[in-house]
PDB file of N, CA and C in Angstrom:
ATOM      1  N   MET A   1     -28.769  -9.663 -16.537  1.00  0.00           N
ATOM      2  CA  MET A   1     -28.497 -10.659 -15.526  1.00  0.00           C
ATOM      3  C   MET A   1     -28.982 -10.119 -14.181  1.00  0.00           C
ATOM      4  N   PRO A   2     -29.823 -10.847 -13.429  1.00  0.00           N
ATOM      5  CA  PRO A   2     -30.385 -10.338 -12.182  1.00  0.00           C
ATOM      6  C   PRO A   2     -29.331 -10.271 -11.074  1.00  0.00           C
ATOM      7  N   HIS A   3     -29.600  -9.406 -10.110  1.00  0.00           N
ATOM      8  CA  HIS A   3     -28.693  -9.247  -8.979  1.00  0.00           C
ATOM      9  C   HIS A   3     -28.850 -10.429  -8.032  1.00  0.00           C
ATOM     10  N   SER A   4     -27.759 -10.834  -7.365  1.00  0.00           N
ATOM     11  CA  SER A   4     -27.760 -12.059  -6.572  1.00  0.00           C
ATOM     12  C   SER A   4     -28.101 -11.862  -5.100  1.00  0.00           C
ATOM     13  N   THR A   5     -28.515 -10.685  -4.668  1.00  0.00           N
ATOM     14  CA  THR A   5     -28.843 -10.457  -3.261  1.00  0.00           C
ATOM     15  C   THR A   5     -30.178 -11.108  -2.933  1.00  0.00           C
ATOM     16  N   PRO A   6     -30.221 -11.949  -1.866  1.00  0.00           N
ATOM     17  CA  PRO A   6     -31.489 -12.587  -1.489  1.00  0.00           C
ATOM     18  C   PRO A   6     -32.508 -11.548  -1.048  1.00  0.00           C
ATOM     19  N   PRO A   7     -33.807 -11.837  -1.243  1.00  0.00           N
ATOM     20  CA  PRO A   7     -34.843 -10.891  -0.824  1.00  0.00           C
ATOM     21  C   PRO A   7     -34.819 -10.692   0.691  1.00  0.00           C
ATOM     22  N   GLY A   8     -35.057  -9.462   1.123  1.00  0.00           N
ATOM     23  CA  GLY A   8     -35.090  -9.165   2.546  1.00  0.00           C
ATOM     24  C   GLY A   8     -33.732  -8.863   3.152  1.00  0.00           C
ATOM     25  N   ARG A   9     -32.689  -8.928   2.365  1.00  0.00           N
ATOM     26  CA  ARG A   9     -31.350  -8.641   2.884  1.00  0.00           C
ATOM     27  C   ARG A   9     -30.741  -7.479   2.111  1.00  0.00           C
ATOM     28  N   ALA A  10     -30.188  -6.532   2.832  1.00  0.00           N
ATOM     29  CA  ALA A  10     -29.555  -5.393   2.161  1.00  0.00           C
ATOM     30  C   ALA A  10     -28.238  -5.848   1.533  1.00  0.00           C
ATOM     31  N   PRO A  11     -27.959  -5.389   0.340  1.00  0.00           N
ATOM     32  CA  PRO A  11     -26.719  -5.810  -0.302  1.00  0.00           C
ATOM     33  C   PRO A  11     -25.497  -5.213   0.400  1.00  0.00           C
ATOM     34  N   VAL A  12     -24.433  -5.997   0.473  1.00  0.00           N
ATOM     35  CA  VAL A  12     -23.176  -5.507   1.047  1.00  0.00           C
ATOM     36  C   VAL A  12     -22.491  -4.638   0.001  1.00  0.00           C
ATOM     37  N   PRO A  13     -21.521  -3.820   0.390  1.00  0.00           N
ATOM     38  CA  PRO A  13     -20.886  -2.913  -0.573  1.00  0.00           C
ATOM     39  C   PRO A  13     -20.358  -3.613  -1.820  1.00  0.00           C
ATOM     40  N   ARG A  14     -19.763  -4.791  -1.672  1.00  0.00           N
ATOM     41  CA  ARG A  14     -19.232  -5.504  -2.830  1.00  0.00           C
ATOM     42  C   ARG A  14     -20.354  -5.865  -3.802  1.00  0.00           C
ATOM     43  N   GLU A  15     -21.483  -6.324  -3.254  1.00  0.00           N
ATOM     44  CA  GLU A  15     -22.611  -6.684  -4.118  1.00  0.00           C
ATOM     45  C   GLU A  15     -23.212  -5.448  -4.786  1.00  0.00           C
ATOM     46  N   ARG A  16     -23.270  -4.334  -4.037  1.00  0.00           N
ATOM     47  CA  ARG A  16     -23.764  -3.094  -4.636  1.00  0.00           C
ATOM     48  C   ARG A  16     -22.855  -2.649  -5.772  1.00  0.00           C
ATOM     49  N   ALA A  17     -21.553  -2.762  -5.564  1.00  0.00           N
ATOM     50  CA  ALA A  17     -20.605  -2.369  -6.604  1.00  0.00           C
ATOM     51  C   ALA A  17     -20.762  -3.260  -7.827  1.00  0.00           C
ATOM     52  N   LEU A  18     -20.918  -4.557  -7.593  1.00  0.00           N
ATOM     53  CA  LEU A  18     -21.094  -5.481  -8.711  1.00  0.00           C
ATOM     54  C   LEU A  18     -22.382  -5.176  -9.465  1.00  0.00           C
ATOM     55  N   ALA A  19     -23.460  -4.867  -8.732  1.00  0.00           N
ATOM     56  CA  ALA A  19     -24.728  -4.536  -9.391  1.00  0.00           C
ATOM     57  C   ALA A  19     -24.573  -3.291 -10.252  1.00  0.00           C
ATOM     58  N   ARG A  20     -23.828  -2.313  -9.751  1.00  0.00           N
ATOM     59  CA  ARG A  20     -23.596  -1.085 -10.515  1.00  0.00           C
ATOM     60  C   ARG A  20     -22.815  -1.393 -11.800  1.00  0.00           C
ATOM     61  N   ILE A  21     -21.821  -2.261 -11.683  1.00  0.00           N
ATOM     62  CA  ILE A  21     -21.040  -2.624 -12.876  1.00  0.00           C
ATOM     63  C   ILE A  21     -21.909  -3.401 -13.859  1.00  0.00           C
ATOM     64  N   GLU A  22     -22.738  -4.314 -13.334  1.00  0.00           N
ATOM     65  CA  GLU A  22     -23.607  -5.105 -14.212  1.00  0.00           C
ATOM     66  C   GLU A  22     -24.535  -4.216 -15.027  1.00  0.00           C
ATOM     67  N   ARG A  23     -25.042  -3.155 -14.408  1.00  0.00           N
ATOM     68  CA  ARG A  23     -25.922  -2.257 -15.148  1.00  0.00           C
ATOM     69  C   ARG A  23     -25.174  -1.575 -16.289  1.00  0.00           C
ATOM     70  N   GLN A  24     -23.900  -1.272 -16.080  1.00  0.00           N
ATOM     71  CA  GLN A  24     -23.128  -0.590 -17.112  1.00  0.00           C
ATOM     72  C   GLN A  24     -22.523  -1.562 -18.121  1.00  0.00           C
ATOM     73  N   LEU A  25     -22.086  -2.722 -17.633  1.00  0.00           N
ATOM     74  CA  LEU A  25     -21.403  -3.672 -18.511  1.00  0.00           C
ATOM     75  C   LEU A  25     -21.748  -5.088 -18.068  1.00  0.00           C
ATOM     76  N   PRO A  26     -22.725  -5.747 -18.716  1.00  0.00           N
ATOM     77  CA  PRO A  26     -23.086  -7.106 -18.314  1.00  0.00           C
ATOM     78  C   PRO A  26     -21.900  -8.058 -18.495  1.00  0.00           C
ATOM     79  N   MET A  27     -21.687  -8.927 -17.484  1.00  0.00           N
ATOM     80  CA  MET A  27     -20.589  -9.893 -17.531  1.00  0.00           C
ATOM     81  C   MET A  27     -21.138 -11.288 -17.285  1.00  0.00           C
ATOM     82  N   PRO A  28     -20.503 -12.307 -17.866  1.00  0.00           N
ATOM     83  CA  PRO A  28     -20.891 -13.680 -17.536  1.00  0.00           C
ATOM     84  C   PRO A  28     -20.600 -13.980 -16.059  1.00  0.00           C
ATOM     85  N   LEU A  29     -21.282 -14.968 -15.508  1.00  0.00           N
ATOM     86  CA  LEU A  29     -21.147 -15.305 -14.093  1.00  0.00           C
ATOM     87  C   LEU A  29     -19.707 -15.651 -13.727  1.00  0.00           C
ATOM     88  N   ALA A  30     -19.012 -16.432 -14.537  1.00  0.00           N
ATOM     89  CA  ALA A  30     -17.637 -16.831 -14.223  1.00  0.00           C
ATOM     90  C   ALA A  30     -16.715 -15.616 -14.129  1.00  0.00           C
ATOM     91  N   VAL A  31     -16.910 -14.648 -15.007  1.00  0.00           N
ATOM     92  CA  VAL A  31     -16.085 -13.439 -14.984  1.00  0.00           C
ATOM     93  C   VAL A  31     -16.393 -12.625 -13.735  1.00  0.00           C
ATOM     94  N   ARG A  32     -17.681 -12.529 -13.357  1.00  0.00           N
ATOM     95  CA  ARG A  32     -18.061 -11.793 -12.148  1.00  0.00           C
ATOM     96  C   ARG A  32     -17.438 -12.411 -10.908  1.00  0.00           C
ATOM     97  N   VAL A  33     -17.530 -13.747 -10.796  1.00  0.00           N
ATOM     98  CA  VAL A  33     -16.981 -14.436  -9.626  1.00  0.00           C
ATOM     99  C   VAL A  33     -15.478 -14.220  -9.547  1.00  0.00           C
ATOM    100  N   ARG A  34     -14.795 -14.322 -10.675  1.00  0.00           N
ATOM    101  CA  ARG A  34     -13.343 -14.115 -10.697  1.00  0.00           C
ATOM    102  C   ARG A  34     -13.000 -12.664 -10.334  1.00  0.00           C
ATOM    103  N   ALA A  35     -13.768 -11.725 -10.833  1.00  0.00           N
ATOM    104  CA  ALA A  35     -13.511 -10.319 -10.514  1.00  0.00           C
ATOM    105  C   ALA A  35     -13.708 -10.060  -9.028  1.00  0.00           C
ATOM    106  N   LEU A  36     -14.745 -10.658  -8.437  1.00  0.00           N
ATOM    107  CA  LEU A  36     -14.976 -10.484  -7.007  1.00  0.00           C
ATOM    108  C   LEU A  36     -13.868 -11.100  -6.175  1.00  0.00           C
ATOM    109  N   SER A  37     -13.311 -12.222  -6.638  1.00  0.00           N
ATOM    110  CA  SER A  37     -12.253 -12.857  -5.862  1.00  0.00           C
ATOM    111  C   SER A  37     -10.942 -12.100  -5.968  1.00  0.00           C
ATOM    112  N   LEU A  38     -10.724 -11.390  -7.058  1.00  0.00           N
ATOM    113  CA  LEU A  38      -9.458 -10.684  -7.264  1.00  0.00           C
ATOM    114  C   LEU A  38      -9.490  -9.240  -6.794  1.00  0.00           C
ATOM    115  N   VAL A  39     -10.651  -8.604  -6.867  1.00  0.00           N
ATOM    116  CA  VAL A  39     -10.725  -7.166  -6.630  1.00  0.00           C
ATOM    117  C   VAL A  39     -11.652  -6.887  -5.461  1.00  0.00           C
ATOM    118  N   GLY A  40     -11.252  -5.995  -4.573  1.00  0.00           N
ATOM    119  CA  GLY A  40     -12.067  -5.623  -3.427  1.00  0.00           C
ATOM    120  C   GLY A  40     -13.232  -4.745  -3.823  1.00  0.00           C
ATOM    121  N   SER A  41     -14.158  -4.556  -2.906  1.00  0.00           N
ATOM    122  CA  SER A  41     -15.351  -3.767  -3.218  1.00  0.00           C
ATOM    123  C   SER A  41     -15.008  -2.314  -3.497  1.00  0.00           C
ATOM    124  N   ARG A  42     -13.984  -1.779  -2.822  1.00  0.00           N
ATOM    125  CA  ARG A  42     -13.616  -0.382  -3.053  1.00  0.00           C
ATOM    126  C   ARG A  42     -13.136  -0.193  -4.490  1.00  0.00           C
ATOM    127  N   ALA A  43     -12.349  -1.126  -4.991  1.00  0.00           N
ATOM    128  CA  ALA A  43     -11.864  -1.017  -6.367  1.00  0.00           C
ATOM    129  C   ALA A  43     -13.003  -1.222  -7.357  1.00  0.00           C
ATOM    130  N   LEU A  44     -13.958  -2.104  -7.029  1.00  0.00           N
ATOM    131  CA  LEU A  44     -15.095  -2.304  -7.924  1.00  0.00           C
ATOM    132  C   LEU A  44     -15.940  -1.037  -8.009  1.00  0.00           C
ATOM    133  N   VAL A  45     -16.153  -0.386  -6.870  1.00  0.00           N
ATOM    134  CA  VAL A  45     -16.899   0.866  -6.880  1.00  0.00           C
ATOM    135  C   VAL A  45     -16.145   1.897  -7.705  1.00  0.00           C
ATOM    136  N   ALA A  46     -14.830   1.921  -7.549  1.00  0.00           N
ATOM    137  CA  ALA A  46     -14.024   2.878  -8.312  1.00  0.00           C
ATOM    138  C   ALA A  46     -14.117   2.599  -9.801  1.00  0.00           C
ATOM    139  N   THR A  47     -14.153   1.317 -10.179  1.00  0.00           N
ATOM    140  CA  THR A  47     -14.271   0.973 -11.589  1.00  0.00           C
ATOM    141  C   THR A  47     -15.618   1.434 -12.129  1.00  0.00           C
ATOM    142  N   ALA A  48     -16.663   1.250 -11.319  1.00  0.00           N
ATOM    143  CA  ALA A  48     -17.995   1.620 -11.776  1.00  0.00           C
ATOM    144  C   ALA A  48     -18.168   3.129 -11.848  1.00  0.00           C
ATOM    145  N   GLU A  49     -17.585   3.843 -10.911  1.00  0.00           N
ATOM    146  CA  GLU A  49     -17.780   5.290 -10.872  1.00  0.00           C
ATOM    147  C   GLU A  49     -16.576   6.019 -11.449  1.00  0.00           C
ATOM    148  N   SER A  50     -15.479   6.019 -10.704  1.00  0.00           N
ATOM    149  CA  SER A  50     -14.280   6.718 -11.151  1.00  0.00           C
ATOM    150  C   SER A  50     -13.099   6.178 -10.369  1.00  0.00           C
ATOM    151  N   ALA A  51     -12.028   5.850 -11.045  1.00  0.00           N
ATOM    152  CA  ALA A  51     -10.845   5.304 -10.380  1.00  0.00           C
ATOM    153  C   ALA A  51     -10.001   6.392  -9.737  1.00  0.00           C
ATOM    154  N   LEU A  52     -10.277   7.637 -10.021  1.00  0.00           N
ATOM    155  CA  LEU A  52      -9.438   8.732  -9.536  1.00  0.00           C
ATOM    156  C   LEU A  52      -9.343   8.814  -8.011  1.00  0.00           C
ATOM    157  N   PRO A  53     -10.439   8.732  -7.237  1.00  0.00           N
ATOM    158  CA  PRO A  53     -10.287   8.821  -5.776  1.00  0.00           C
ATOM    159  C   PRO A  53      -9.421   7.706  -5.194  1.00  0.00           C
ATOM    160  N   VAL A  54      -9.568   6.484  -5.700  1.00  0.00           N
ATOM    161  CA  VAL A  54      -8.774   5.364  -5.190  1.00  0.00           C
ATOM    162  C   VAL A  54      -7.311   5.552  -5.550  1.00  0.00           C
ATOM    163  N   VAL A  55      -7.037   5.976  -6.778  1.00  0.00           N
ATOM    164  CA  VAL A  55      -5.657   6.212  -7.198  1.00  0.00           C
ATOM    165  C   VAL A  55      -5.054   7.354  -6.390  1.00  0.00           C
ATOM    166  N   ALA A  56      -5.811   8.416  -6.187  1.00  0.00           N
ATOM    167  CA  ALA A  56      -5.305   9.550  -5.409  1.00  0.00           C
ATOM    168  C   ALA A  56      -4.986   9.129  -3.981  1.00  0.00           C
ATOM    169  N   ARG A  57      -5.852   8.329  -3.377  1.00  0.00           N
ATOM    170  CA  ARG A  57      -5.604   7.851  -2.018  1.00  0.00           C
ATOM    171  C   ARG A  57      -4.372   6.952  -1.984  1.00  0.00           C
ATOM    172  N   SER A  58      -4.208   6.092  -2.977  1.00  0.00           N
ATOM    173  CA  SER A  58      -3.044   5.208  -3.031  1.00  0.00           C
ATOM    174  C   SER A  58      -1.755   6.004  -3.172  1.00  0.00           C
ATOM    175  N   VAL A  59      -1.780   7.025  -4.015  1.00  0.00           N
ATOM    176  CA  VAL A  59      -0.596   7.868  -4.192  1.00  0.00           C
ATOM    177  C   VAL A  59      -0.288   8.612  -2.899  1.00  0.00           C
ATOM    178  N   ALA A  60      -1.316   9.114  -2.227  1.00  0.00           N
ATOM    179  CA  ALA A  60      -1.095   9.833  -0.965  1.00  0.00           C
ATOM    180  C   ALA A  60      -0.471   8.915   0.084  1.00  0.00           C
ATOM    181  N   VAL A  61      -0.964   7.685   0.171  1.00  0.00           N
ATOM    182  CA  VAL A  61      -0.399   6.725   1.126  1.00  0.00           C
ATOM    183  C   VAL A  61       1.056   6.424   0.776  1.00  0.00           C
ATOM    184  N   ALA A  62       1.355   6.264  -0.510  1.00  0.00           N
ATOM    185  CA  ALA A  62       2.731   5.987  -0.927  1.00  0.00           C
ATOM    186  C   ALA A  62       3.651   7.153  -0.598  1.00  0.00           C
ATOM    187  N   VAL A  63       3.183   8.377  -0.797  1.00  0.00           N
ATOM    188  CA  VAL A  63       4.005   9.561  -0.495  1.00  0.00           C
ATOM    189  C   VAL A  63       4.271   9.654   1.004  1.00  0.00           C
ATOM    190  N   VAL A  64       3.251   9.406   1.822  1.00  0.00           N
ATOM    191  CA  VAL A  64       3.435   9.452   3.277  1.00  0.00           C
ATOM    192  C   VAL A  64       4.410   8.369   3.725  1.00  0.00           C
ATOM    193  N   ALA A  65       4.287   7.167   3.157  1.00  0.00           N
ATOM    194  CA  ALA A  65       5.206   6.081   3.515  1.00  0.00           C
ATOM    195  C   ALA A  65       6.640   6.419   3.123  1.00  0.00           C
ATOM    196  N   LEU A  66       6.824   6.994   1.944  1.00  0.00           N
ATOM    197  CA  LEU A  66       8.165   7.374   1.500  1.00  0.00           C
ATOM    198  C   LEU A  66       8.746   8.456   2.403  1.00  0.00           C
ATOM    199  N   ALA A  67       7.933   9.442   2.772  1.00  0.00           N
ATOM    200  CA  ALA A  67       8.414  10.504   3.663  1.00  0.00           C
ATOM    201  C   ALA A  67       8.804   9.942   5.026  1.00  0.00           C
ATOM    202  N   ALA A  68       8.006   9.003   5.540  1.00  0.00           N
ATOM    203  CA  ALA A  68       8.332   8.386   6.829  1.00  0.00           C
ATOM    204  C   ALA A  68       9.627   7.593   6.740  1.00  0.00           C
ATOM    205  N   GLU A  69       9.806   6.864   5.643  1.00  0.00           N
ATOM    206  CA  GLU A  69      11.045   6.103   5.463  1.00  0.00           C
ATOM    207  C   GLU A  69      12.250   7.033   5.395  1.00  0.00           C
ATOM    208  N   GLN A  70      12.125   8.129   4.652  1.00  0.00           N
ATOM    209  CA  GLN A  70      13.241   9.074   4.537  1.00  0.00           C
ATOM    210  C   GLN A  70      13.554   9.715   5.892  1.00  0.00           C
ATOM    211  N   ALA A  71      12.527  10.062   6.659  1.00  0.00           N
ATOM    212  CA  ALA A  71      12.753  10.661   7.980  1.00  0.00           C
ATOM    213  C   ALA A  71      13.442   9.676   8.916  1.00  0.00           C
ATOM    214  N   LEU A  72      13.002   8.419   8.885  1.00  0.00           N
ATOM    215  CA  LEU A  72      13.624   7.395   9.723  1.00  0.00           C
ATOM    216  C   LEU A  72      15.073   7.181   9.325  1.00  0.00           C
ATOM    217  N   ARG A  73      15.325   7.099   8.027  1.00  0.00           N
ATOM    218  CA  ARG A  73      16.692   6.905   7.545  1.00  0.00           C
ATOM    219  C   ARG A  73      17.580   8.082   7.952  1.00  0.00           C
ATOM    220  N   ALA A  74      17.052   9.305   7.855  1.00  0.00           N
ATOM    221  CA  ALA A  74      17.835  10.484   8.238  1.00  0.00           C
ATOM    222  C   ALA A  74      18.135  10.478   9.736  1.00  0.00           C
ATOM    223  N   SER A  75      17.130  10.108  10.551  1.00  0.00           N
ATOM    224  CA  SER A  75      17.375  10.091  11.997  1.00  0.00           C
ATOM    225  C   SER A  75      18.354   8.991  12.370  1.00  0.00           C
ATOM    226  N   LEU A  76      18.235   7.819  11.736  1.00  0.00           N
ATOM    227  CA  LEU A  76      19.206   6.749  11.984  1.00  0.00           C
ATOM    228  C   LEU A  76      20.596   7.175  11.551  1.00  0.00           C
ATOM    229  N   GLY A  77      20.677   7.840  10.405  1.00  0.00           N
ATOM    230  CA  GLY A  77      21.976   8.315   9.930  1.00  0.00           C
ATOM    231  C   GLY A  77      22.613   9.266  10.923  1.00  0.00           C
ATOM    232  N   GLY A  78      21.817  10.174  11.504  1.00  0.00           N
ATOM    233  CA  GLY A  78      22.341  11.111  12.496  1.00  0.00           C
ATOM    234  C   GLY A  78      22.801  10.408  13.757  1.00  0.00           C
ATOM    235  N   ILE A  79      22.036   9.425  14.223  1.00  0.00           N
ATOM    236  CA  ILE A  79      22.406   8.673  15.423  1.00  0.00           C
ATOM    237  C   ILE A  79      23.695   7.904  15.184  1.00  0.00           C
ATOM    238  N   ILE A  80      23.783   7.244  14.047  1.00  0.00           N
ATOM    239  CA  ILE A  80      24.980   6.451  13.747  1.00  0.00           C
ATOM    240  C   ILE A  80      26.199   7.349  13.635  1.00  0.00           C
ATOM    241  N   GLU A  81      26.054   8.497  13.000  1.00  0.00           N
ATOM    242  CA  GLU A  81      27.193   9.409  12.885  1.00  0.00           C
ATOM    243  C   GLU A  81      27.634   9.907  14.252  1.00  0.00           C
ATOM    244  N   ARG A  82      26.702  10.107  15.171  1.00  0.00           N
ATOM    245  CA  ARG A  82      27.067  10.544  16.514  1.00  0.00           C
ATOM    246  C   ARG A  82      27.883   9.484  17.234  1.00  0.00           C
ATOM    247  N   PHE A  83      27.505   8.206  17.083  1.00  0.00           N
ATOM    248  CA  PHE A  83      28.196   7.135  17.795  1.00  0.00           C
ATOM    249  C   PHE A  83      29.468   6.677  17.083  1.00  0.00           C
ATOM    250  N   VAL A  84      29.436   6.566  15.790  1.00  0.00           N
ATOM    251  CA  VAL A  84      30.548   5.992  15.036  1.00  0.00           C
ATOM    252  C   VAL A  84      31.501   7.067  14.554  1.00  0.00           C
ATOM    253  N   GLY A  85      31.024   8.252  14.280  1.00  0.00           N
ATOM    254  CA  GLY A  85      31.872   9.315  13.752  1.00  0.00           C
ATOM    255  C   GLY A  85      31.754   9.379  12.243  1.00  0.00           C
ATOM    256  N   ARG A  86      32.508  10.267  11.648  1.00  0.00           N
ATOM    257  CA  ARG A  86      32.388  10.508  10.205  1.00  0.00           C
ATOM    258  C   ARG A  86      33.082   9.438   9.369  1.00  0.00           C
ATOM    259  N   MET A  87      34.019   8.710   9.923  1.00  0.00           N
ATOM    260  CA  MET A  87      34.745   7.657   9.196  1.00  0.00           C
ATOM    261  C   MET A  87      35.382   8.194   7.922  1.00  0.00           C
ATOM    262  N   GLY A  88      35.850   9.442   7.966  1.00  0.00           N
ATOM    263  CA  GLY A  88      36.569  10.000   6.825  1.00  0.00           C
ATOM    264  C   GLY A  88      35.694  10.369   5.641  1.00  0.00           C
ATOM    265  N   ARG A  89      34.385  10.387   5.822  1.00  0.00           N
ATOM    266  CA  ARG A  89      33.481  10.716   4.716  1.00  0.00           C
ATOM    267  C   ARG A  89      32.772  12.022   4.995  1.00  0.00           C
ATOM    268  N   THR A  90      32.213  12.565   3.951  1.00  0.00           N
ATOM    269  CA  THR A  90      31.331  13.717   4.126  1.00  0.00           C
ATOM    270  C   THR A  90      29.936  13.301   3.687  1.00  0.00           C
ATOM    271  N   GLY A  91      28.930  13.945   4.227  1.00  0.00           N
ATOM    272  CA  GLY A  91      27.552  13.642   3.849  1.00  0.00           C
ATOM    273  C   GLY A  91      26.888  12.728   4.853  1.00  0.00           C
ATOM    274  N   PRO A  92      25.583  12.515   4.693  1.00  0.00           N
ATOM    275  CA  PRO A  92      24.843  11.679   5.644  1.00  0.00           C
ATOM    276  C   PRO A  92      25.196  10.202   5.483  1.00  0.00           C
ATOM    277  N   ALA A  93      24.884   9.426   6.508  1.00  0.00           N
ATOM    278  CA  ALA A  93      25.134   7.986   6.461  1.00  0.00           C
ATOM    279  C   ALA A  93      24.244   7.343   5.411  1.00  0.00           C
ATOM    280  N   THR A  94      24.784   6.384   4.709  1.00  0.00           N
ATOM    281  CA  THR A  94      24.028   5.668   3.685  1.00  0.00           C
ATOM    282  C   THR A  94      23.493   4.369   4.263  1.00  0.00           C
ATOM    283  N   ARG A  95      22.738   3.657   3.480  1.00  0.00           N
ATOM    284  CA  ARG A  95      22.208   2.364   3.905  1.00  0.00           C
ATOM    285  C   ARG A  95      23.347   1.385   4.188  1.00  0.00           C
ATOM    286  N   VAL A  96      24.411   1.444   3.383  1.00  0.00           N
ATOM    287  CA  VAL A  96      25.575   0.566   3.588  1.00  0.00           C
ATOM    288  C   VAL A  96      26.233   0.887   4.926  1.00  0.00           C
ATOM    289  N   ASP A  97      26.382   2.184   5.239  1.00  0.00           N
ATOM    290  CA  ASP A  97      26.969   2.578   6.522  1.00  0.00           C
ATOM    291  C   ASP A  97      26.141   2.044   7.690  1.00  0.00           C
ATOM    292  N   ILE A  98      24.840   2.154   7.574  1.00  0.00           N
ATOM    293  CA  ILE A  98      23.954   1.685   8.640  1.00  0.00           C
ATOM    294  C   ILE A  98      24.090   0.180   8.809  1.00  0.00           C
ATOM    295  N   THR A  99      24.116  -0.557   7.698  1.00  0.00           N
ATOM    296  CA  THR A  99      24.252  -2.013   7.760  1.00  0.00           C
ATOM    297  C   THR A  99      25.584  -2.402   8.382  1.00  0.00           C
ATOM    298  N   GLU A 100      26.673  -1.737   7.969  1.00  0.00           N
ATOM    299  CA  GLU A 100      27.989  -2.035   8.540  1.00  0.00           C
ATOM    300  C   GLU A 100      28.003  -1.755  10.035  1.00  0.00           C
ATOM    301  N   TRP A 101      27.396  -0.645  10.450  1.00  0.00           N
ATOM    302  CA  TRP A 101      27.378  -0.302  11.862  1.00  0.00           C
ATOM    303  C   TRP A 101      26.612  -1.355  12.666  1.00  0.00           C
ATOM    304  N   ILE A 102      25.488  -1.810  12.137  1.00  0.00           N
ATOM    305  CA  ILE A 102      24.702  -2.842  12.827  1.00  0.00           C
ATOM    306  C   ILE A 102      25.509  -4.127  12.951  1.00  0.00           C
ATOM    307  N   MET A 103      26.202  -4.516  11.876  1.00  0.00           N
ATOM    308  CA  MET A 103      27.018  -5.738  11.916  1.00  0.00           C
ATOM    309  C   MET A 103      28.154  -5.603  12.932  1.00  0.00           C
ATOM    310  N   ILE A 104      28.805  -4.447  12.980  1.00  0.00           N
ATOM    311  CA  ILE A 104      29.892  -4.225  13.935  1.00  0.00           C
ATOM    312  C   ILE A 104      29.360  -4.301  15.359  1.00  0.00           C
ATOM    313  N   GLU A 105      28.199  -3.690  15.609  1.00  0.00           N
ATOM    314  CA  GLU A 105      27.612  -3.731  16.950  1.00  0.00           C
ATOM    315  C   GLU A 105      27.262  -5.158  17.356  1.00  0.00           C
ATOM    316  N   ARG A 106      26.745  -5.945  16.439  1.00  0.00           N
ATOM    317  CA  ARG A 106      26.419  -7.345  16.751  1.00  0.00           C
ATOM    318  C   ARG A 106      27.675  -8.124  17.099  1.00  0.00           C
ATOM    319  N   MET A 107      28.742  -7.900  16.322  1.00  0.00           N
ATOM    320  CA  MET A 107      29.999  -8.608  16.581  1.00  0.00           C
ATOM    321  C   MET A 107      30.575  -8.181  17.936  1.00  0.00           C
ATOM    322  N   ARG A 108      30.479  -6.913  18.283  1.00  0.00           N
ATOM    323  CA  ARG A 108      31.028  -6.434  19.554  1.00  0.00           C
ATOM    324  C   ARG A 108      30.267  -7.008  20.738  1.00  0.00           C
ATOM    325  N   ARG A 109      28.985  -7.259  20.581  1.00  0.00           N
ATOM    326  CA  ARG A 109      28.173  -7.767  21.691  1.00  0.00           C
ATOM    327  C   ARG A 109      28.367  -9.259  21.929  1.00  0.00           C
ATOM    328  N   ARG A 110      28.973  -9.968  20.994  1.00  0.00           N
ATOM    329  CA  ARG A 110      29.166 -11.423  21.162  1.00  0.00           C
ATOM    330  C   ARG A 110      30.322 -11.741  22.036  1.00  0.00           C
TER     331      ARG A 110
END
């Protein structure tokens, strides 16, 4: 199946990725169009070459996001404990404690 890039125009990354996949695994036009609409060019390149770099980057982003969430939760827990006190518990503030504190503060401000 021939590549769809018009003559005189350089192919965009998505088209280059599709051409690479076509060389390895010919697909009908309807399947190609559906794949292009569902999957970005980076994922298509990863499919044609290797999915490992994309998966590794996704895992790294997820780990950084989780670490940021945990740090934020810990800092909020420390702030809330400073203002509200221990409330007869031991350990860091939980999500429930934070939610209760926010609700109490909203009620006090009304």
